[in-house]
Amino acid sequence: MEILQYKEKVVLEEFKRYYISEINTRGTPILHTHDYYEFLLVTCGTGTHWCNGASTPLRQGDLLLIRPEDTHCSYAHTPDFTMTNIIIPQQMFRQLFEYLGPSFETDRFLRQEQPICVSLTRHQQQNLIKEAKRLQLLHKIAQDNMDYHFRFFILQIFVTYLSVPLQEYSAGIPAWLQNVFYEMMQYENFKEGLPAMYRLCHVSREYLSRMCREYLGKTPTELINGFRLEYCASELINSDTPVLDICQNAGFNNLSHFYHLFKDYYGMSPLQFRKHSVSETRLYANGTAPPQPGEPSSLPTPSRSRQSGKRP
């Protein structure tokens, strides 16, 4: 069977086609591939998507991400089978994924044999179609303003419909432990420390410690000290309060212990941290350009080993 190969430049420039269009599949489907990415959203009817040697039934609300290496075609089961086609140039795709960062786990989209397919709710589908039609109109009346709106539209699709929901990361953590974590972020609670945590959780101290280690990767004390140290760092940057007062206000009773924890967490003493942060701020105030996206900042950040808990 002949396989057609569509080129981004030809489709977008010579065919005078923009990023968003409607597809009404009629007659014999054409097996093809292309050098760009595309979303296919089924807006009406039912059909089948044939890709890389396997078939997937399609129904209204299904959203697929087709990749450049995919060989595919779609054919209708019902006369009203219609899809919205959204083309994403390779450069734009790479830029968006770089912006989202490695934690977005692009392998979920790029390494699977079959394209990812999600089923949208009726409300989600209506919102997506409405925005697509709005951009089609914008392309006709204000083409010069189209690109950044389109990039934002694609970013919304990835983040809203294709990202791993936050609930999945916290799904295994007991609700009572999540509530305790949120409560301990409050100033009056982390300042009080362990007594507040024990009072809030209504479980034995041994059980609390075990659950914190299992689900959060830290002991109760380590969690509390983390909240306190972040508070201290903020005070050092945004106020001229003496270090001893900041230490005591955060709930630390031992200055030497506080210095040890702070240096271990941020890689420098509290005074060095304040001096360094103020120095950076003055540079920006004097007109020195701040680091551009992708460039490292010299501002101190917590040690990665101290930030990351155990992922459930």
Protein backbone atom coordinates (compact mmCIF):
# COMPACT_ATOMS: atom_id res chain seq x y z
CA MET A 1 0.00 0.00 0.00
CA GLU A 2 1.27 3.45 -0.89
CA ILE A 3 2.08 5.65 2.10
CA LEU A 4 1.95 9.40 1.57
CA GLN A 5 4.32 11.67 3.46
CA TYR A 6 3.10 15.18 4.22
CA LYS A 7 5.66 17.90 4.88
CA GLU A 8 5.11 20.68 7.39
CA LYS A 9 6.27 23.36 4.98
CA VAL A 10 4.01 22.13 2.19
CA VAL A 11 0.92 21.68 4.32
CA LEU A 12 1.19 25.00 6.14
CA GLU A 13 2.58 27.18 3.35
CA GLU A 14 1.80 25.75 -0.08
CA PHE A 15 -1.60 24.32 0.88
CA LYS A 16 -2.33 27.64 2.63
CA ARG A 17 -3.54 25.70 5.62
CA TYR A 18 -3.16 26.98 9.15
CA TYR A 19 -2.75 25.01 12.36
CA ILE A 20 -6.42 24.19 12.95
CA SER A 21 -8.87 22.68 10.48
CA GLU A 22 -11.88 20.37 10.28
CA ILE A 23 -11.63 16.88 8.76
CA ASN A 24 -14.69 15.11 7.38
CA THR A 25 -13.54 11.62 6.51
CA ARG A 26 -15.22 10.33 3.36
CA GLY A 27 -14.36 7.50 1.00
CA THR A 28 -11.21 5.38 1.22
CA PRO A 29 -8.77 6.48 3.93
CA ILE A 30 -5.21 7.33 2.90
CA LEU A 31 -2.41 5.82 4.95
CA HIS A 32 0.13 8.56 5.59
CA THR A 33 2.83 9.99 7.80
CA HIS A 34 4.16 13.53 8.31
CA ASP A 35 7.06 15.45 9.81
CA TYR A 36 4.94 17.42 12.31
CA TYR A 37 2.87 16.58 15.38
CA GLU A 38 -0.89 16.84 15.40
CA PHE A 39 -3.86 16.50 17.71
CA LEU A 40 -6.95 14.77 16.41
CA LEU A 41 -10.16 15.49 18.33
CA VAL A 42 -13.28 13.54 17.39
CA THR A 43 -16.07 16.11 17.42
CA CYS A 44 -18.91 13.99 16.00
CA GLY A 45 -19.77 10.39 15.15
CA THR A 46 -17.65 7.25 15.45
CA GLY A 47 -14.80 5.79 13.47
CA THR A 48 -11.52 3.87 13.65
CA HIS A 49 -7.96 5.09 13.79
CA TRP A 50 -5.38 2.80 12.19
CA CYS A 51 -1.83 3.47 13.34
CA ASN A 52 1.43 1.52 13.31
CA GLY A 53 -0.32 -1.75 12.51
CA ALA A 54 -3.07 -1.53 15.13
CA SER A 55 -6.60 -0.13 15.16
CA THR A 56 -8.32 1.95 17.84
CA PRO A 57 -12.06 2.67 17.90
CA LEU A 58 -12.87 6.37 18.02
CA ARG A 59 -15.88 8.14 19.45
CA GLN A 60 -16.88 11.70 20.16
CA GLY A 61 -14.54 13.33 22.68
CA ASP A 62 -11.45 11.19 21.94
CA LEU A 63 -8.22 13.20 21.69
CA LEU A 64 -5.10 11.68 20.09
CA LEU A 65 -1.55 12.99 19.78
CA ILE A 66 0.00 11.82 16.49
CA ARG A 67 3.78 11.92 16.24
CA PRO A 68 6.02 12.38 13.16
CA GLU A 69 7.05 8.71 13.11
CA ASP A 70 3.45 7.41 13.20
CA THR A 71 1.95 5.92 10.04
CA HIS A 72 -1.81 6.29 10.30
CA CYS A 73 -5.23 7.00 8.83
CA SER A 74 -8.80 7.32 10.05
CA TYR A 75 -12.04 6.07 8.56
CA ALA A 76 -15.67 6.65 9.43
CA HIS A 77 -18.26 4.31 10.87
CA THR A 78 -21.01 6.92 10.73
CA PRO A 79 -21.71 9.54 8.02
CA ASP A 80 -21.25 12.40 10.48
CA PHE A 81 -17.75 11.34 11.60
CA THR A 82 -15.79 14.59 11.99
CA MET A 83 -12.48 15.51 13.59
CA THR A 84 -10.68 18.73 14.45
CA ASN A 85 -7.07 18.56 13.28
CA ILE A 86 -4.49 20.67 15.14
CA ILE A 87 -1.00 20.77 13.62
CA ILE A 88 2.00 21.44 15.88
CA PRO A 89 5.27 22.25 14.07
CA GLN A 90 8.22 20.30 15.42
CA GLN A 91 10.08 23.39 16.62
CA MET A 92 7.04 24.63 18.52
CA PHE A 93 6.53 21.18 20.03
CA ARG A 94 10.12 21.03 21.27
CA GLN A 95 9.89 24.53 22.74
CA LEU A 96 6.72 23.73 24.65
CA PHE A 97 8.17 20.52 26.06
CA GLU A 98 11.37 22.31 27.08
CA TYR A 99 9.23 24.87 28.87
CA LEU A 100 7.25 22.19 30.70
CA GLY A 101 10.50 20.56 31.83
CA PRO A 102 11.66 16.97 32.36
CA SER A 103 9.16 16.30 35.16
CA PHE A 104 6.40 16.42 32.54
CA GLU A 105 7.74 12.99 31.46
CA THR A 106 7.66 13.36 27.69
CA ASP A 107 8.40 9.64 27.24
CA ARG A 108 4.72 9.03 28.01
CA PHE A 109 3.99 10.60 24.63
CA LEU A 110 7.04 9.79 22.55
CA ARG A 111 8.15 6.27 23.45
CA GLN A 112 4.91 4.32 23.32
CA GLU A 113 4.23 2.22 20.24
CA GLN A 114 0.73 3.64 19.90
CA PRO A 115 -0.20 7.34 20.16
CA ILE A 116 -1.64 8.47 23.45
CA CYS A 117 -5.43 8.77 23.42
CA VAL A 118 -7.61 10.32 26.13
CA SER A 119 -11.38 10.63 26.33
CA LEU A 120 -12.61 14.10 27.23
CA THR A 121 -15.80 14.80 29.13
CA ARG A 122 -18.56 16.57 27.23
CA HIS A 123 -17.73 19.81 29.05
CA GLN A 124 -14.01 19.49 28.22
CA GLN A 125 -14.80 18.73 24.60
CA GLN A 126 -17.08 21.74 24.31
CA ASN A 127 -14.43 24.03 25.80
CA LEU A 128 -11.74 22.71 23.46
CA ILE A 129 -13.91 23.04 20.36
CA LYS A 130 -15.00 26.54 21.37
CA GLU A 131 -11.37 27.66 21.73
CA ALA A 132 -10.37 26.01 18.45
CA LYS A 133 -13.16 27.83 16.60
CA ARG A 134 -12.20 31.11 18.27
CA LEU A 135 -8.63 30.68 16.99
CA GLN A 136 -9.88 29.84 13.51
CA LEU A 137 -11.78 33.13 13.53
CA LEU A 138 -8.76 34.98 14.91
CA HIS A 139 -6.67 33.61 12.05
CA LYS A 140 -9.06 35.26 9.61
CA ILE A 141 -9.38 38.66 11.28
CA ALA A 142 -6.09 39.17 13.15
CA GLN A 143 -3.52 36.76 11.76
CA ASP A 144 -0.56 38.72 13.15
CA ASN A 145 -1.79 38.03 16.70
CA MET A 146 -2.42 34.34 16.13
CA ASP A 147 0.84 32.64 17.04
CA TYR A 148 1.10 33.36 20.74
CA HIS A 149 -2.60 32.58 21.23
CA PHE A 150 -2.07 29.26 19.48
CA ARG A 151 0.99 28.41 21.61
CA PHE A 152 -1.01 29.13 24.75
CA PHE A 153 -3.83 26.96 23.39
CA ILE A 154 -1.47 23.98 22.84
CA LEU A 155 0.10 24.48 26.26
CA GLN A 156 -3.36 24.37 27.83
CA ILE A 157 -4.14 21.10 26.06
CA PHE A 158 -1.03 19.44 27.43
CA VAL A 159 -1.41 20.78 30.95
CA THR A 160 -5.20 20.39 31.23
CA TYR A 161 -5.85 17.13 29.42
CA LEU A 162 -2.56 15.23 29.15
CA SER A 163 -0.65 15.97 32.36
CA VAL A 164 -0.53 13.54 35.26
CA PRO A 165 -3.11 14.87 37.75
CA LEU A 166 -1.75 16.06 41.07
CA GLN A 167 -4.21 13.68 42.75
CA GLU A 168 -2.30 10.70 41.32
CA TYR A 169 0.87 11.75 43.12
CA SER A 170 -0.92 12.09 46.45
CA ALA A 171 -3.52 9.34 45.96
CA GLY A 172 -1.71 6.86 48.18
CA ILE A 173 -1.18 9.29 51.06
CA PRO A 174 -3.87 8.94 53.75
CA ALA A 175 -6.21 11.93 53.88
CA TRP A 176 -5.46 12.56 57.56
CA LEU A 177 -1.72 12.76 56.81
CA GLN A 178 -2.27 15.19 53.95
CA ASN A 179 -4.36 17.38 56.27
CA VAL A 180 -1.65 17.32 58.93
CA PHE A 181 0.95 18.31 56.33
CA TYR A 182 -1.14 21.30 55.18
CA GLU A 183 -1.84 22.37 58.76
CA MET A 184 1.83 22.20 59.70
CA MET A 185 2.64 24.68 56.93
CA GLN A 186 0.88 27.33 59.03
CA TYR A 187 3.27 29.57 60.97
CA GLU A 188 1.73 29.02 64.41
CA ASN A 189 1.91 25.24 63.97
CA PHE A 190 5.46 24.81 62.67
CA LYS A 191 6.67 27.29 65.29
CA GLU A 192 5.12 25.15 68.02
CA GLY A 193 6.59 22.07 66.40
CA LEU A 194 5.99 18.45 67.34
CA PRO A 195 3.36 19.16 70.04
CA ALA A 196 1.16 20.82 67.40
CA MET A 197 1.68 17.95 64.98
CA TYR A 198 0.79 15.33 67.58
CA ARG A 199 -2.31 17.30 68.54
CA LEU A 200 -3.48 17.56 64.93
CA CYS A 201 -3.02 13.97 63.81
CA HIS A 202 -4.87 11.98 66.54
CA VAL A 203 -2.63 8.93 66.08
CA SER A 204 0.23 7.56 68.13
CA ARG A 205 3.64 9.16 67.78
CA GLU A 206 5.12 5.91 66.54
CA TYR A 207 2.45 5.51 63.87
CA LEU A 208 2.85 9.14 62.74
CA SER A 209 6.60 8.70 62.41
CA ARG A 210 6.17 5.51 60.40
CA MET A 211 3.60 7.04 58.06
CA CYS A 212 5.72 10.16 57.48
CA ARG A 213 8.70 8.05 56.52
CA GLU A 214 6.66 5.78 54.28
CA TYR A 215 4.66 8.40 52.37
CA LEU A 216 6.65 11.63 52.68
CA GLY A 217 10.17 10.26 52.94
CA LYS A 218 10.95 12.30 56.08
CA THR A 219 10.55 12.16 59.83
CA PRO A 220 8.08 14.54 61.53
CA THR A 221 11.02 16.57 62.83
CA GLU A 222 12.56 16.86 59.35
CA LEU A 223 9.24 18.08 57.94
CA ILE A 224 8.87 20.72 60.64
CA ASN A 225 12.46 21.88 60.29
CA GLY A 226 11.94 22.21 56.54
CA PHE A 227 8.99 24.57 57.06
CA ARG A 228 10.94 26.54 59.66
CA LEU A 229 14.05 26.89 57.48
CA GLU A 230 12.01 28.12 54.51
CA TYR A 231 10.41 30.71 56.78
CA CYS A 232 13.86 31.79 58.00
CA ALA A 233 15.19 32.10 54.45
CA SER A 234 12.26 34.33 53.51
CA GLU A 235 12.83 36.53 56.57
CA LEU A 236 16.55 36.82 55.82
CA ILE A 237 15.80 38.02 52.31
CA ASN A 238 12.82 40.27 53.01
CA SER A 239 13.63 41.83 56.37
CA ASP A 240 16.52 43.16 58.43
CA THR A 241 15.47 41.21 61.53
CA PRO A 242 18.52 39.91 63.45
CA VAL A 243 19.35 36.25 62.85
CA LEU A 244 18.82 35.37 66.52
CA ASP A 245 15.28 36.78 66.44
CA ILE A 246 14.49 34.96 63.20
CA CYS A 247 15.76 31.75 64.72
CA GLN A 248 13.58 32.13 67.80
CA ASN A 249 10.53 33.31 65.81
CA ALA A 250 10.71 30.16 63.70
CA GLY A 251 10.63 27.94 66.77
CA PHE A 252 14.30 27.02 67.05
CA ASN A 253 15.57 27.13 70.64
CA ASN A 254 19.23 26.50 69.93
CA LEU A 255 21.12 28.97 67.74
CA SER A 256 24.02 26.61 67.09
CA HIS A 257 21.64 23.84 65.99
CA PHE A 258 19.81 26.31 63.75
CA TYR A 259 23.07 27.36 62.06
CA HIS A 260 23.98 23.72 61.46
CA LEU A 261 20.57 22.90 59.93
CA PHE A 262 20.49 26.04 57.78
CA LYS A 263 23.97 25.46 56.35
CA ASP A 264 23.15 21.83 55.64
CA TYR A 265 19.88 22.86 53.89
CA TYR A 266 21.09 25.92 51.91
CA GLY A 267 24.82 25.32 51.66
CA MET A 268 25.81 28.49 53.53
CA SER A 269 25.30 30.21 56.87
CA PRO A 270 22.29 32.49 57.48
CA LEU A 271 24.49 35.60 57.34
CA GLN A 272 26.11 34.47 54.09
CA PHE A 273 22.66 33.73 52.68
CA ARG A 274 21.41 37.21 53.54
CA LYS A 275 24.52 38.92 52.18
CA HIS A 276 24.42 36.92 48.97
CA SER A 277 20.70 37.54 48.42
CA VAL A 278 20.98 41.28 49.09
CA SER A 279 23.98 41.49 46.76
CA GLU A 280 21.98 39.86 43.95
CA THR A 281 19.03 42.16 44.56
CA ARG A 282 21.23 45.26 44.38
CA LEU A 283 22.73 44.06 41.10
CA TYR A 284 19.26 43.86 39.58
CA ALA A 285 18.30 47.25 41.07
CA ASN A 286 21.39 48.82 39.51
CA GLY A 287 20.38 47.65 36.07
CA THR A 288 22.23 44.37 35.75
CA ALA A 289 20.01 41.99 33.83
CA PRO A 290 18.72 38.98 35.80
CA PRO A 291 19.41 35.48 34.47
CA GLN A 292 17.48 34.67 31.31
CA PRO A 293 15.30 31.54 31.11
CA GLY A 294 17.57 28.53 31.01
CA GLU A 295 20.51 30.37 32.58
CA PRO A 296 21.53 29.39 36.12
CA SER A 297 20.91 31.89 38.89
CA SER A 298 23.51 32.32 41.60
CA LEU A 299 20.83 32.61 44.26
CA PRO A 300 21.09 29.77 46.78
CA THR A 301 18.50 27.01 46.71
CA PRO A 302 17.84 24.15 49.13
CA SER A 303 19.81 20.98 48.63
CA ARG A 304 17.88 18.60 46.33
CA SER A 305 18.33 15.76 48.79
CA ARG A 306 16.67 17.89 51.45
CA GLN A 307 13.77 18.97 49.25
CA SER A 308 12.62 15.72 47.78
CA GLY A 309 10.42 13.37 49.70
CA LYS A 310 9.52 9.82 48.77
CA ARG A 311 7.11 9.74 45.88
CA PRO A 312 4.12 7.56 46.71
